[in-house]
Amino acid sequence: MGRPTYEEEIEHFKKHIEMLRGELKATEKELEKREGVKNYRRRKEMAKKIIIDEDLCEGCETCVSLCPDVFELGGDGKAHVKNLNACDTCNCQEAIDSCPTGAIKWEE
């Protein structure tokens, strides 16, 4: 039995990565069950900060309409974060996913 081929090693690592992803999902589900889904997701989001790349922002106001307590349109015609702590009043992830230019991101 010789050394595994490059392709065999790649397959081995792919399987290992999938196993780790499964363990991570199981851990997250356990935390959600223990803390409650809403509390777990909120705590997870609060560990992050929303940033807006002003060079990418077109001022379409999608984020403002989805999360008016978090985002506002500034005098420069660009979106700005006005209150990150208000993410529990709306779905900040939906605002991020709905940004047509991808200007809004989570920063850890």
Protein backbone atom coordinates (compact mmCIF):
# COMPACT_ATOMS: atom_id res chain seq x y z
CA MET A 1 0.00 0.00 0.00
CA GLY A 2 1.70 3.15 -1.20
CA ARG A 3 1.21 6.80 -0.63
CA PRO A 4 -2.25 8.15 -1.60
CA THR A 5 -2.53 10.05 -4.85
CA TYR A 6 -3.11 13.77 -4.90
CA GLU A 7 -6.75 13.21 -5.89
CA GLU A 8 -7.25 10.76 -3.01
CA GLU A 9 -5.81 13.28 -0.56
CA ILE A 10 -8.12 15.98 -1.91
CA GLU A 11 -11.14 13.68 -1.49
CA HIS A 12 -10.04 12.85 2.05
CA PHE A 13 -9.82 16.55 2.95
CA LYS A 14 -13.18 17.30 1.33
CA LYS A 15 -14.81 14.59 3.46
CA HIS A 16 -13.10 15.93 6.56
CA ILE A 17 -14.31 19.48 5.82
CA GLU A 18 -17.89 18.22 5.35
CA MET A 19 -17.67 16.34 8.65
CA LEU A 20 -16.49 19.52 10.41
CA ARG A 21 -19.30 21.55 8.82
CA GLY A 22 -21.79 18.99 10.11
CA GLU A 23 -20.33 19.23 13.62
CA LEU A 24 -20.52 23.03 13.48
CA LYS A 25 -24.17 22.95 12.39
CA ALA A 26 -24.98 20.47 15.17
CA THR A 27 -23.27 22.75 17.71
CA GLU A 28 -25.15 25.81 16.44
CA LYS A 29 -28.47 23.92 16.58
CA GLU A 30 -27.74 22.86 20.17
CA LEU A 31 -26.98 26.47 21.14
CA GLU A 32 -30.16 27.64 19.40
CA LYS A 33 -32.16 25.03 21.30
CA ARG A 34 -30.56 25.90 24.63
CA GLU A 35 -30.73 29.70 24.27
CA GLY A 36 -33.69 29.98 21.95
CA VAL A 37 -33.20 30.69 18.26
CA LYS A 38 -33.87 34.42 18.48
CA ASN A 39 -31.51 35.00 21.43
CA TYR A 40 -28.74 32.91 19.87
CA ARG A 41 -28.95 34.68 16.51
CA ARG A 42 -29.15 38.10 18.14
CA ARG A 43 -26.08 37.41 20.30
CA LYS A 44 -24.26 36.10 17.25
CA GLU A 45 -25.14 39.24 15.25
CA MET A 46 -24.24 41.59 18.08
CA ALA A 47 -20.71 40.17 18.05
CA LYS A 48 -20.47 41.63 14.55
CA LYS A 49 -20.73 45.15 13.26
CA ILE A 50 -22.39 46.34 10.06
CA ILE A 51 -20.25 48.35 7.69
CA ILE A 52 -21.22 50.11 4.47
CA ASP A 53 -18.76 50.58 1.64
CA GLU A 54 -19.65 54.11 0.59
CA ASP A 55 -17.90 53.65 -2.76
CA LEU A 56 -20.35 50.85 -3.61
CA CYS A 57 -23.51 52.40 -2.11
CA GLU A 58 -25.83 53.92 -4.72
CA GLY A 59 -28.28 55.38 -2.21
CA CYS A 60 -31.19 53.19 -3.35
CA GLU A 61 -32.61 53.18 0.23
CA THR A 62 -33.46 49.46 0.23
CA CYS A 63 -31.70 49.03 3.57
CA VAL A 64 -33.46 52.10 4.98
CA SER A 65 -36.86 50.74 4.00
CA LEU A 66 -36.10 47.31 5.50
CA CYS A 67 -34.41 48.53 8.70
CA PRO A 68 -35.21 52.22 9.29
CA ASP A 69 -34.02 52.05 12.90
CA VAL A 70 -30.57 50.86 11.77
CA PHE A 71 -29.93 52.68 8.48
CA GLU A 72 -30.45 56.22 7.27
CA LEU A 73 -29.71 58.11 4.08
CA GLY A 74 -27.10 60.77 4.72
CA GLY A 75 -26.76 64.20 3.17
CA ASP A 76 -24.25 62.68 0.75
CA GLY A 77 -27.01 60.46 -0.70
CA LYS A 78 -25.40 57.32 0.75
CA ALA A 79 -26.67 54.91 3.39
CA HIS A 80 -25.16 55.11 6.87
CA VAL A 81 -25.53 53.00 9.99
CA LYS A 82 -27.32 55.15 12.55
CA ASN A 83 -27.96 52.56 15.28
CA LEU A 84 -26.36 49.13 15.14
CA ASN A 85 -28.04 48.17 18.41
CA ALA A 86 -31.42 48.31 16.67
CA CYS A 87 -30.82 45.11 14.66
CA ASP A 88 -33.22 43.33 17.00
CA THR A 89 -36.08 45.48 15.63
CA CYS A 90 -35.62 44.26 12.04
CA ASN A 91 -33.77 41.71 9.93
CA CYS A 92 -30.37 43.25 9.26
CA GLN A 93 -29.31 40.17 7.30
CA GLU A 94 -32.21 40.74 4.90
CA ALA A 95 -31.02 44.31 4.37
CA ILE A 96 -27.49 43.05 3.68
CA ASP A 97 -28.75 40.38 1.28
CA SER A 98 -31.05 42.87 -0.49
CA CYS A 99 -28.38 45.49 -1.19
CA PRO A 100 -28.12 45.53 -4.99
CA THR A 101 -24.45 46.52 -4.97
CA GLY A 102 -23.30 44.42 -2.01
CA ALA A 103 -22.19 47.55 -0.16
CA ILE A 104 -23.37 46.32 3.26
CA LYS A 105 -21.43 43.65 5.12
CA TRP A 106 -20.87 42.20 8.57
CA GLU A 107 -17.48 42.90 10.10
CA GLU A 108 -16.30 40.78 13.03
